[in-house]
Amino acid sequence: MIESDLTQFANKRFGQNFLKSDFYIHKIIQAISNDDLPVIEIGPGLGDLTKELVRVRSVTAFEVDKRLCEHLQSTFNESIQSGRLDIKCGDVLERWGSGSLLDRPYQLVANLPYYIATNIILRALKDPNCQSILVMVQKEVAERFSAKAGTREFSALSILAQKVGKATLCFEVEAEAFIPPPKVTSAVLLIEKDYTEDDENFEAFLKVAFKQPRKKLFKNLSVFFDKDNVANLFNKLDLDPNIRPHEAEISIYHRIYNELKDILDGQEQKQRAKLKTKQSK
């Protein structure tokens, strides 16, 4: 296809920007780990990255756009017949709703649509079969997942990613590498997982802690948790009450969460005991 055809082929509804730079495609391939795991690709588009992936791994590709599914099935007929490639047509998030994307350990390698990238990464972090995540995303998103404590980019996403492994912003990709060019700079993010722990309560706690990221952590927590409990906890952990969410180390969030969880569990047990006493009278 010529460039004008590619631009018309892109569907704004699915946030499609096709990576057409061989230079960056090869850089992505070089960044894949050497453990020979099968690859899940989400949003393969026209298949430029897919073409290189099937040279080195077996690939299962999820594509929501029916037009592109037909294109991929035609273009990669030989790889499909040989078992090197499996095209899944449909919404990958619906597949995740019924369990892991693959019934064995895998790597996620993809140029993700920006509008859904964060959601996909969070789902992959919780998927016990996903061993690593190597994805092209908006630079701002890559910075948030890989940021260190003390930087302005440090957020709940940083903690969630680094809770299960190591997150690294590998390299940036300029807009001209895509057709059509996006209005933002992209970056390749690598998250190498050590383990998976799906704790929805911890994720909810982080949303509270970072609700207003430029305000004091104490104030954010006091909106949801009892102020006296939070004050006692800060004193117990020797935390500066003026500390802001991005300034606290990841270990601090785990300690705060565990302490508050114990307080909430204790309060819940007291409420149950009171209810049981009333019912017995």
C-alpha atoms as a PDB file:
ATOM      1  CA  MET A   1       0.000   0.000   0.000  1.00  0.00           C
ATOM      2  CA  ILE A   2       1.148   3.565  -0.695  1.00  0.00           C
ATOM      3  CA  GLU A   3       1.134   6.115   2.133  1.00  0.00           C
ATOM      4  CA  SER A   4      -2.193   7.718   1.159  1.00  0.00           C
ATOM      5  CA  ASP A   5      -3.865   4.293   1.159  1.00  0.00           C
ATOM      6  CA  LEU A   6      -2.451   3.532   4.608  1.00  0.00           C
ATOM      7  CA  THR A   7      -3.804   6.800   5.987  1.00  0.00           C
ATOM      8  CA  GLN A   8      -7.276   5.964   4.668  1.00  0.00           C
ATOM      9  CA  PHE A   9      -6.972   2.415   6.031  1.00  0.00           C
ATOM     10  CA  ALA A  10      -6.371   3.663   9.599  1.00  0.00           C
ATOM     11  CA  ASN A  11      -9.524   3.646  11.695  1.00  0.00           C
ATOM     12  CA  LYS A  12      -9.720   6.532  14.182  1.00  0.00           C
ATOM     13  CA  ARG A  13     -12.248   4.574  16.242  1.00  0.00           C
ATOM     14  CA  PHE A  14      -9.528   2.050  17.107  1.00  0.00           C
ATOM     15  CA  GLY A  15      -6.734   4.611  17.441  1.00  0.00           C
ATOM     16  CA  GLN A  16      -4.744   3.076  14.597  1.00  0.00           C
ATOM     17  CA  ASN A  17      -1.286   4.456  13.785  1.00  0.00           C
ATOM     18  CA  PHE A  18       0.742   1.950  11.778  1.00  0.00           C
ATOM     19  CA  LEU A  19       4.426   1.614  12.676  1.00  0.00           C
ATOM     20  CA  LYS A  20       6.215   1.537   9.313  1.00  0.00           C
ATOM     21  CA  SER A  21       9.826   2.162  10.348  1.00  0.00           C
ATOM     22  CA  ASP A  22      12.018  -0.908   9.875  1.00  0.00           C
ATOM     23  CA  PHE A  23      14.594   0.699  12.179  1.00  0.00           C
ATOM     24  CA  TYR A  24      12.251   0.792  15.167  1.00  0.00           C
ATOM     25  CA  ILE A  25      10.647  -2.555  14.366  1.00  0.00           C
ATOM     26  CA  HIS A  26      14.084  -4.167  14.525  1.00  0.00           C
ATOM     27  CA  LYS A  27      14.865  -2.337  17.781  1.00  0.00           C
ATOM     28  CA  ILE A  28      11.708  -3.845  19.289  1.00  0.00           C
ATOM     29  CA  ILE A  29      12.712  -7.329  18.106  1.00  0.00           C
ATOM     30  CA  GLN A  30      16.172  -6.877  19.635  1.00  0.00           C
ATOM     31  CA  ALA A  31      14.602  -5.921  22.982  1.00  0.00           C
ATOM     32  CA  ILE A  32      12.675  -9.204  23.266  1.00  0.00           C
ATOM     33  CA  SER A  33      14.074 -11.475  25.992  1.00  0.00           C
ATOM     34  CA  ASN A  34      15.915 -14.659  25.095  1.00  0.00           C
ATOM     35  CA  ASP A  35      13.692 -17.156  26.925  1.00  0.00           C
ATOM     36  CA  ASP A  36      11.929 -18.338  23.736  1.00  0.00           C
ATOM     37  CA  LEU A  37       8.408 -17.870  25.096  1.00  0.00           C
ATOM     38  CA  PRO A  38       5.476 -17.539  22.673  1.00  0.00           C
ATOM     39  CA  VAL A  39       4.348 -13.982  21.941  1.00  0.00           C
ATOM     40  CA  ILE A  40       0.970 -12.317  22.273  1.00  0.00           C
ATOM     41  CA  GLU A  41       0.578  -9.332  19.952  1.00  0.00           C
ATOM     42  CA  ILE A  42      -2.340  -6.950  20.461  1.00  0.00           C
ATOM     43  CA  GLY A  43      -3.421  -4.732  17.569  1.00  0.00           C
ATOM     44  CA  PRO A  44      -1.101  -6.090  14.839  1.00  0.00           C
ATOM     45  CA  GLY A  45      -2.540  -3.635  12.314  1.00  0.00           C
ATOM     46  CA  LEU A  46      -1.111  -4.276   8.872  1.00  0.00           C
ATOM     47  CA  GLY A  47       1.365  -6.809  10.225  1.00  0.00           C
ATOM     48  CA  ASP A  48       4.736  -5.059   9.851  1.00  0.00           C
ATOM     49  CA  LEU A  49       5.816  -6.008  13.389  1.00  0.00           C
ATOM     50  CA  THR A  50       4.033  -9.363  13.091  1.00  0.00           C
ATOM     51  CA  LYS A  51       6.169 -10.236  10.052  1.00  0.00           C
ATOM     52  CA  GLU A  52       9.337  -9.948  12.134  1.00  0.00           C
ATOM     53  CA  LEU A  53       7.857 -11.574  15.239  1.00  0.00           C
ATOM     54  CA  VAL A  54       6.923 -14.801  13.420  1.00  0.00           C
ATOM     55  CA  ARG A  55      10.537 -15.113  12.287  1.00  0.00           C
ATOM     56  CA  VAL A  56      11.663 -15.548  15.910  1.00  0.00           C
ATOM     57  CA  ARG A  57       8.623 -16.763  17.892  1.00  0.00           C
ATOM     58  CA  SER A  58       5.233 -18.372  17.634  1.00  0.00           C
ATOM     59  CA  VAL A  59       2.659 -15.565  17.749  1.00  0.00           C
ATOM     60  CA  THR A  60      -0.981 -15.217  18.776  1.00  0.00           C
ATOM     61  CA  ALA A  61      -2.308 -11.883  17.492  1.00  0.00           C
ATOM     62  CA  PHE A  62      -5.521 -10.218  18.679  1.00  0.00           C
ATOM     63  CA  GLU A  63      -7.139  -7.781  16.232  1.00  0.00           C
ATOM     64  CA  VAL A  64     -10.481  -6.053  16.849  1.00  0.00           C
ATOM     65  CA  ASP A  65     -10.836  -4.532  13.347  1.00  0.00           C
ATOM     66  CA  LYS A  66     -12.539  -7.023  10.991  1.00  0.00           C
ATOM     67  CA  ARG A  67     -10.991  -5.383   7.919  1.00  0.00           C
ATOM     68  CA  LEU A  68      -7.511  -5.881   9.315  1.00  0.00           C
ATOM     69  CA  CYS A  69      -8.313  -9.451  10.359  1.00  0.00           C
ATOM     70  CA  GLU A  70      -9.106 -10.281   6.749  1.00  0.00           C
ATOM     71  CA  HIS A  71      -5.946  -8.514   5.585  1.00  0.00           C
ATOM     72  CA  LEU A  72      -3.784 -10.398   8.103  1.00  0.00           C
ATOM     73  CA  GLN A  73      -5.332 -13.775   7.335  1.00  0.00           C
ATOM     74  CA  SER A  74      -4.601 -13.239   3.652  1.00  0.00           C
ATOM     75  CA  THR A  75      -1.116 -11.795   4.110  1.00  0.00           C
ATOM     76  CA  PHE A  76       0.056 -14.412   6.617  1.00  0.00           C
ATOM     77  CA  ASN A  77      -1.715 -17.469   5.238  1.00  0.00           C
ATOM     78  CA  GLU A  78       1.527 -19.472   5.098  1.00  0.00           C
ATOM     79  CA  SER A  79       2.481 -18.651   8.708  1.00  0.00           C
ATOM     80  CA  ILE A  80      -1.049 -19.485   9.862  1.00  0.00           C
ATOM     81  CA  GLN A  81      -0.977 -22.842   8.048  1.00  0.00           C
ATOM     82  CA  SER A  82       2.417 -23.694   9.554  1.00  0.00           C
ATOM     83  CA  GLY A  83       1.203 -22.905  13.079  1.00  0.00           C
ATOM     84  CA  ARG A  84       3.602 -19.995  13.584  1.00  0.00           C
ATOM     85  CA  LEU A  85       0.728 -17.497  13.754  1.00  0.00           C
ATOM     86  CA  ASP A  86      -2.774 -17.592  15.168  1.00  0.00           C
ATOM     87  CA  ILE A  87      -5.083 -14.641  14.419  1.00  0.00           C
ATOM     88  CA  LYS A  88      -7.820 -13.987  16.993  1.00  0.00           C
ATOM     89  CA  CYS A  89     -10.484 -11.603  15.690  1.00  0.00           C
ATOM     90  CA  GLY A  90     -12.268  -9.750  18.472  1.00  0.00           C
ATOM     91  CA  ASP A  91     -11.847  -7.613  21.566  1.00  0.00           C
ATOM     92  CA  VAL A  92      -8.845  -8.741  23.625  1.00  0.00           C
ATOM     93  CA  LEU A  93     -10.365  -7.292  26.793  1.00  0.00           C
ATOM     94  CA  GLU A  94     -13.339  -9.647  26.467  1.00  0.00           C
ATOM     95  CA  ARG A  95     -10.916 -12.576  26.179  1.00  0.00           C
ATOM     96  CA  TRP A  96      -9.149 -11.406  29.337  1.00  0.00           C
ATOM     97  CA  GLY A  97     -12.494 -11.429  31.100  1.00  0.00           C
ATOM     98  CA  SER A  98     -12.527 -15.211  30.886  1.00  0.00           C
ATOM     99  CA  GLY A  99      -8.933 -15.768  32.041  1.00  0.00           C
ATOM    100  CA  SER A 100      -5.396 -15.542  30.689  1.00  0.00           C
ATOM    101  CA  LEU A 101      -4.788 -14.743  27.017  1.00  0.00           C
ATOM    102  CA  LEU A 102      -2.781 -17.961  26.698  1.00  0.00           C
ATOM    103  CA  ASP A 103      -2.843 -21.202  28.670  1.00  0.00           C
ATOM    104  CA  ARG A 104       0.934 -21.129  29.165  1.00  0.00           C
ATOM    105  CA  PRO A 105       3.640 -18.499  29.922  1.00  0.00           C
ATOM    106  CA  TYR A 106       3.993 -15.831  27.244  1.00  0.00           C
ATOM    107  CA  GLN A 107       5.424 -12.412  26.419  1.00  0.00           C
ATOM    108  CA  LEU A 108       3.298  -9.448  25.372  1.00  0.00           C
ATOM    109  CA  VAL A 109       4.888  -7.569  22.447  1.00  0.00           C
ATOM    110  CA  ALA A 110       2.811  -4.911  20.711  1.00  0.00           C
ATOM    111  CA  ASN A 111       2.341  -1.432  19.307  1.00  0.00           C
ATOM    112  CA  LEU A 112      -0.682  -0.589  21.458  1.00  0.00           C
ATOM    113  CA  PRO A 113      -3.489   1.815  20.517  1.00  0.00           C
ATOM    114  CA  TYR A 114      -3.008   4.829  22.791  1.00  0.00           C
ATOM    115  CA  TYR A 115      -6.621   5.056  23.938  1.00  0.00           C
ATOM    116  CA  ILE A 116      -6.525   1.613  25.543  1.00  0.00           C
ATOM    117  CA  ALA A 117      -2.808   1.112  26.291  1.00  0.00           C
ATOM    118  CA  THR A 118      -2.940   1.743  30.048  1.00  0.00           C
ATOM    119  CA  ASN A 119      -5.872  -0.636  30.508  1.00  0.00           C
ATOM    120  CA  ILE A 120      -4.105  -3.378  28.543  1.00  0.00           C
ATOM    121  CA  ILE A 121      -0.884  -3.020  30.533  1.00  0.00           C
ATOM    122  CA  LEU A 122      -2.786  -3.205  33.827  1.00  0.00           C
ATOM    123  CA  ARG A 123      -4.559  -6.358  32.638  1.00  0.00           C
ATOM    124  CA  ALA A 124      -1.223  -7.893  31.592  1.00  0.00           C
ATOM    125  CA  LEU A 125       0.295  -7.099  34.994  1.00  0.00           C
ATOM    126  CA  LYS A 126      -2.444  -9.193  36.605  1.00  0.00           C
ATOM    127  CA  ASP A 127      -2.224 -12.068  34.101  1.00  0.00           C
ATOM    128  CA  PRO A 128      -0.138 -14.799  35.813  1.00  0.00           C
ATOM    129  CA  ASN A 129       0.886 -16.283  32.457  1.00  0.00           C
ATOM    130  CA  CYS A 130       2.268 -12.988  31.157  1.00  0.00           C
ATOM    131  CA  GLN A 131       5.995 -13.005  31.971  1.00  0.00           C
ATOM    132  CA  SER A 132       7.009  -9.697  30.385  1.00  0.00           C
ATOM    133  CA  ILE A 133       5.494  -6.709  28.613  1.00  0.00           C
ATOM    134  CA  LEU A 134       7.276  -4.970  25.703  1.00  0.00           C
ATOM    135  CA  VAL A 135       4.959  -2.368  24.219  1.00  0.00           C
ATOM    136  CA  MET A 136       4.949   0.828  22.203  1.00  0.00           C
ATOM    137  CA  VAL A 137       2.836   3.441  23.989  1.00  0.00           C
ATOM    138  CA  GLN A 138       2.524   7.188  24.384  1.00  0.00           C
ATOM    139  CA  LYS A 139       5.749   8.493  25.968  1.00  0.00           C
ATOM    140  CA  GLU A 140       3.823   9.983  28.883  1.00  0.00           C
ATOM    141  CA  VAL A 141       2.339   6.572  29.723  1.00  0.00           C
ATOM    142  CA  ALA A 142       5.756   4.869  29.526  1.00  0.00           C
ATOM    143  CA  GLU A 143       7.160   7.521  31.880  1.00  0.00           C
ATOM    144  CA  ARG A 144       4.405   6.952  34.427  1.00  0.00           C
ATOM    145  CA  PHE A 145       4.901   3.194  34.527  1.00  0.00           C
ATOM    146  CA  SER A 146       8.712   3.426  34.746  1.00  0.00           C
ATOM    147  CA  ALA A 147       9.077   6.528  36.987  1.00  0.00           C
ATOM    148  CA  LYS A 148      11.040   6.405  40.219  1.00  0.00           C
ATOM    149  CA  ALA A 149       9.873   7.835  43.548  1.00  0.00           C
ATOM    150  CA  GLY A 150      10.688  11.513  43.907  1.00  0.00           C
ATOM    151  CA  THR A 151      10.066  12.378  40.251  1.00  0.00           C
ATOM    152  CA  ARG A 152       6.979  14.246  39.094  1.00  0.00           C
ATOM    153  CA  GLU A 153       5.977  11.322  36.851  1.00  0.00           C
ATOM    154  CA  PHE A 154       5.832   8.878  39.787  1.00  0.00           C
ATOM    155  CA  SER A 155       2.268   7.636  40.162  1.00  0.00           C
ATOM    156  CA  ALA A 156       0.031   4.729  41.108  1.00  0.00           C
ATOM    157  CA  LEU A 157       0.965   3.154  37.756  1.00  0.00           C
ATOM    158  CA  SER A 158       4.651   3.224  38.736  1.00  0.00           C
ATOM    159  CA  ILE A 159       3.900   1.363  41.949  1.00  0.00           C
ATOM    160  CA  LEU A 160       1.662  -1.231  40.297  1.00  0.00           C
ATOM    161  CA  ALA A 161       4.298  -2.008  37.641  1.00  0.00           C
ATOM    162  CA  GLN A 162       7.255  -2.094  40.009  1.00  0.00           C
ATOM    163  CA  LYS A 163       5.303  -4.131  42.541  1.00  0.00           C
ATOM    164  CA  VAL A 164       5.559  -7.131  40.206  1.00  0.00           C
ATOM    165  CA  GLY A 165       8.894  -6.477  38.513  1.00  0.00           C
ATOM    166  CA  LYS A 166      11.169  -3.966  36.807  1.00  0.00           C
ATOM    167  CA  ALA A 167       9.866  -1.256  34.451  1.00  0.00           C
ATOM    168  CA  THR A 168      12.150   0.444  31.918  1.00  0.00           C
ATOM    169  CA  LEU A 169      11.571   3.076  29.245  1.00  0.00           C
ATOM    170  CA  CYS A 170      13.744   1.583  26.486  1.00  0.00           C
ATOM    171  CA  PHE A 171      13.685   4.275  23.798  1.00  0.00           C
ATOM    172  CA  GLU A 172      11.562   7.006  22.253  1.00  0.00           C
ATOM    173  CA  VAL A 173       9.979   6.876  18.796  1.00  0.00           C
ATOM    174  CA  GLU A 174       9.189  10.008  16.844  1.00  0.00           C
ATOM    175  CA  ALA A 175       5.804  10.536  15.219  1.00  0.00           C
ATOM    176  CA  GLU A 176       7.250  10.292  11.700  1.00  0.00           C
ATOM    177  CA  ALA A 177       7.826   6.552  12.206  1.00  0.00           C
ATOM    178  CA  PHE A 178       4.042   6.003  11.944  1.00  0.00           C
ATOM    179  CA  ILE A 179       1.385   6.338   9.254  1.00  0.00           C
ATOM    180  CA  PRO A 180      -0.587   8.428   9.953  1.00  0.00           C
ATOM    181  CA  PRO A 181       1.761  10.262  12.376  1.00  0.00           C
ATOM    182  CA  PRO A 182       0.284  10.614  15.901  1.00  0.00           C
ATOM    183  CA  LYS A 183       0.280  14.010  17.579  1.00  0.00           C
ATOM    184  CA  VAL A 184       2.500  12.756  20.412  1.00  0.00           C
ATOM    185  CA  THR A 185       5.902  11.170  20.912  1.00  0.00           C
ATOM    186  CA  SER A 186       5.880   7.430  21.514  1.00  0.00           C
ATOM    187  CA  ALA A 187       8.157   5.217  23.579  1.00  0.00           C
ATOM    188  CA  VAL A 188       8.829   1.523  24.050  1.00  0.00           C
ATOM    189  CA  LEU A 189       8.198   0.275  27.587  1.00  0.00           C
ATOM    190  CA  LEU A 190       9.562  -2.981  29.004  1.00  0.00           C
ATOM    191  CA  ILE A 191       8.178  -4.521  32.200  1.00  0.00           C
ATOM    192  CA  GLU A 192       9.963  -7.692  33.322  1.00  0.00           C
ATOM    193  CA  LYS A 193       7.786  -9.465  35.867  1.00  0.00           C
ATOM    194  CA  ASP A 194       9.089 -11.351  38.885  1.00  0.00           C
ATOM    195  CA  TYR A 195       5.684 -12.469  40.120  1.00  0.00           C
ATOM    196  CA  THR A 196       2.000 -11.664  39.803  1.00  0.00           C
ATOM    197  CA  GLU A 197      -0.320 -10.700  42.650  1.00  0.00           C
ATOM    198  CA  ASP A 198      -3.798  -9.452  41.840  1.00  0.00           C
ATOM    199  CA  ASP A 199      -4.837  -7.290  44.781  1.00  0.00           C
ATOM    200  CA  GLU A 200      -7.729  -5.050  43.744  1.00  0.00           C
ATOM    201  CA  ASN A 201      -7.852  -3.481  47.198  1.00  0.00           C
ATOM    202  CA  PHE A 202      -4.248  -2.297  46.878  1.00  0.00           C
ATOM    203  CA  GLU A 203      -5.031  -0.787  43.482  1.00  0.00           C
ATOM    204  CA  ALA A 204      -8.062   0.994  44.967  1.00  0.00           C
ATOM    205  CA  PHE A 205      -5.892   2.252  47.845  1.00  0.00           C
ATOM    206  CA  LEU A 206      -3.394   3.745  45.370  1.00  0.00           C
ATOM    207  CA  LYS A 207      -6.183   5.563  43.554  1.00  0.00           C
ATOM    208  CA  VAL A 208      -7.061   7.227  46.858  1.00  0.00           C
ATOM    209  CA  ALA A 209      -3.418   8.049  47.633  1.00  0.00           C
ATOM    210  CA  PHE A 210      -2.877   9.650  44.214  1.00  0.00           C
ATOM    211  CA  LYS A 211      -6.366  11.156  43.856  1.00  0.00           C
ATOM    212  CA  GLN A 212      -4.837  14.651  43.867  1.00  0.00           C
ATOM    213  CA  PRO A 213      -1.150  13.955  43.194  1.00  0.00           C
ATOM    214  CA  ARG A 214       0.096  17.484  43.917  1.00  0.00           C
ATOM    215  CA  LYS A 215      -1.600  17.653  47.331  1.00  0.00           C
ATOM    216  CA  LYS A 216      -0.234  16.122  50.519  1.00  0.00           C
ATOM    217  CA  LEU A 217      -0.484  12.350  50.867  1.00  0.00           C
ATOM    218  CA  PHE A 218      -1.912  12.811  54.374  1.00  0.00           C
ATOM    219  CA  LYS A 219      -4.782  14.924  53.003  1.00  0.00           C
ATOM    220  CA  ASN A 220      -5.582  12.446  50.223  1.00  0.00           C
ATOM    221  CA  LEU A 221      -5.727   9.518  52.636  1.00  0.00           C
ATOM    222  CA  SER A 222      -7.737  11.466  55.226  1.00  0.00           C
ATOM    223  CA  VAL A 223     -10.554  11.983  52.722  1.00  0.00           C
ATOM    224  CA  PHE A 224     -11.237   8.245  52.702  1.00  0.00           C
ATOM    225  CA  PHE A 225      -9.720   6.932  55.952  1.00  0.00           C
ATOM    226  CA  ASP A 226     -10.283   8.184  59.508  1.00  0.00           C
ATOM    227  CA  LYS A 227      -8.040  11.228  60.004  1.00  0.00           C
ATOM    228  CA  ASP A 228      -6.913  10.179  63.493  1.00  0.00           C
ATOM    229  CA  ASN A 229      -5.937   6.727  62.222  1.00  0.00           C
ATOM    230  CA  VAL A 230      -3.925   8.287  59.410  1.00  0.00           C
ATOM    231  CA  ALA A 231      -2.230  10.719  61.843  1.00  0.00           C
ATOM    232  CA  ASN A 232      -1.310   7.882  64.217  1.00  0.00           C
ATOM    233  CA  LEU A 233      -0.021   5.829  61.297  1.00  0.00           C
ATOM    234  CA  PHE A 234       2.175   8.651  59.979  1.00  0.00           C
ATOM    235  CA  ASN A 235       3.580   9.083  63.489  1.00  0.00           C
ATOM    236  CA  LYS A 236       4.190   5.326  63.839  1.00  0.00           C
ATOM    237  CA  LEU A 237       6.007   5.160  60.487  1.00  0.00           C
ATOM    238  CA  ASP A 238       7.847   8.434  61.169  1.00  0.00           C
ATOM    239  CA  LEU A 239       6.435   9.967  57.974  1.00  0.00           C
ATOM    240  CA  ASP A 240       6.504  13.684  57.260  1.00  0.00           C
ATOM    241  CA  PRO A 241       2.828  14.809  57.187  1.00  0.00           C
ATOM    242  CA  ASN A 242       3.782  17.241  54.395  1.00  0.00           C
ATOM    243  CA  ILE A 243       5.044  14.527  52.050  1.00  0.00           C
ATOM    244  CA  ARG A 244       3.372  14.439  48.632  1.00  0.00           C
ATOM    245  CA  PRO A 245       2.344  11.224  46.845  1.00  0.00           C
ATOM    246  CA  HIS A 246       5.202  11.245  44.317  1.00  0.00           C
ATOM    247  CA  GLU A 247       7.803  11.710  47.068  1.00  0.00           C
ATOM    248  CA  ALA A 248       7.087   8.501  49.021  1.00  0.00           C
ATOM    249  CA  GLU A 249       9.018   5.310  48.243  1.00  0.00           C
ATOM    250  CA  ILE A 250       7.150   2.240  47.003  1.00  0.00           C
ATOM    251  CA  SER A 251       7.912   0.403  50.254  1.00  0.00           C
ATOM    252  CA  ILE A 252       6.130   3.169  52.171  1.00  0.00           C
ATOM    253  CA  TYR A 253       2.921   2.537  50.237  1.00  0.00           C
ATOM    254  CA  HIS A 254       3.027  -1.153  51.073  1.00  0.00           C
ATOM    255  CA  ARG A 255       3.514  -0.351  54.773  1.00  0.00           C
ATOM    256  CA  ILE A 256       0.719   2.232  54.819  1.00  0.00           C
ATOM    257  CA  TYR A 257      -1.620  -0.127  52.978  1.00  0.00           C
ATOM    258  CA  ASN A 258      -0.906  -3.051  55.302  1.00  0.00           C
ATOM    259  CA  GLU A 259      -1.431  -0.898  58.387  1.00  0.00           C
ATOM    260  CA  LEU A 260      -4.673   0.654  57.120  1.00  0.00           C
ATOM    261  CA  LYS A 261      -5.916  -2.737  55.960  1.00  0.00           C
ATOM    262  CA  ASP A 262      -5.394  -4.098  59.475  1.00  0.00           C
ATOM    263  CA  ILE A 263      -7.273  -1.114  60.932  1.00  0.00           C
ATOM    264  CA  LEU A 264     -10.167  -1.595  58.509  1.00  0.00           C
ATOM    265  CA  ASP A 265     -10.235  -5.349  59.150  1.00  0.00           C
ATOM    266  CA  GLY A 266     -10.339  -4.666  62.896  1.00  0.00           C
ATOM    267  CA  GLN A 267     -13.179  -2.183  62.492  1.00  0.00           C
ATOM    268  CA  GLU A 268     -15.097  -4.641  60.327  1.00  0.00           C
ATOM    269  CA  GLN A 269     -14.687  -7.380  62.931  1.00  0.00           C
ATOM    270  CA  LYS A 270     -15.987  -5.038  65.651  1.00  0.00           C
ATOM    271  CA  GLN A 271     -19.018  -4.168  63.509  1.00  0.00           C
ATOM    272  CA  ARG A 272     -19.728  -7.862  62.950  1.00  0.00           C
ATOM    273  CA  ALA A 273     -19.416  -8.552  66.693  1.00  0.00           C
ATOM    274  CA  LYS A 274     -21.853  -5.733  67.490  1.00  0.00           C
ATOM    275  CA  LEU A 275     -24.305  -7.023  64.903  1.00  0.00           C
ATOM    276  CA  LYS A 276     -24.022 -10.556  66.257  1.00  0.00           C
ATOM    277  CA  THR A 277     -24.643  -9.293  69.832  1.00  0.00           C
ATOM    278  CA  LYS A 278     -27.757  -7.387  68.734  1.00  0.00           C
ATOM    279  CA  GLN A 279     -29.113 -10.398  66.861  1.00  0.00           C
ATOM    280  CA  SER A 280     -28.639 -12.654  69.901  1.00  0.00           C
ATOM    281  CA  LYS A 281     -30.679 -10.367  72.185  1.00  0.00           C
END
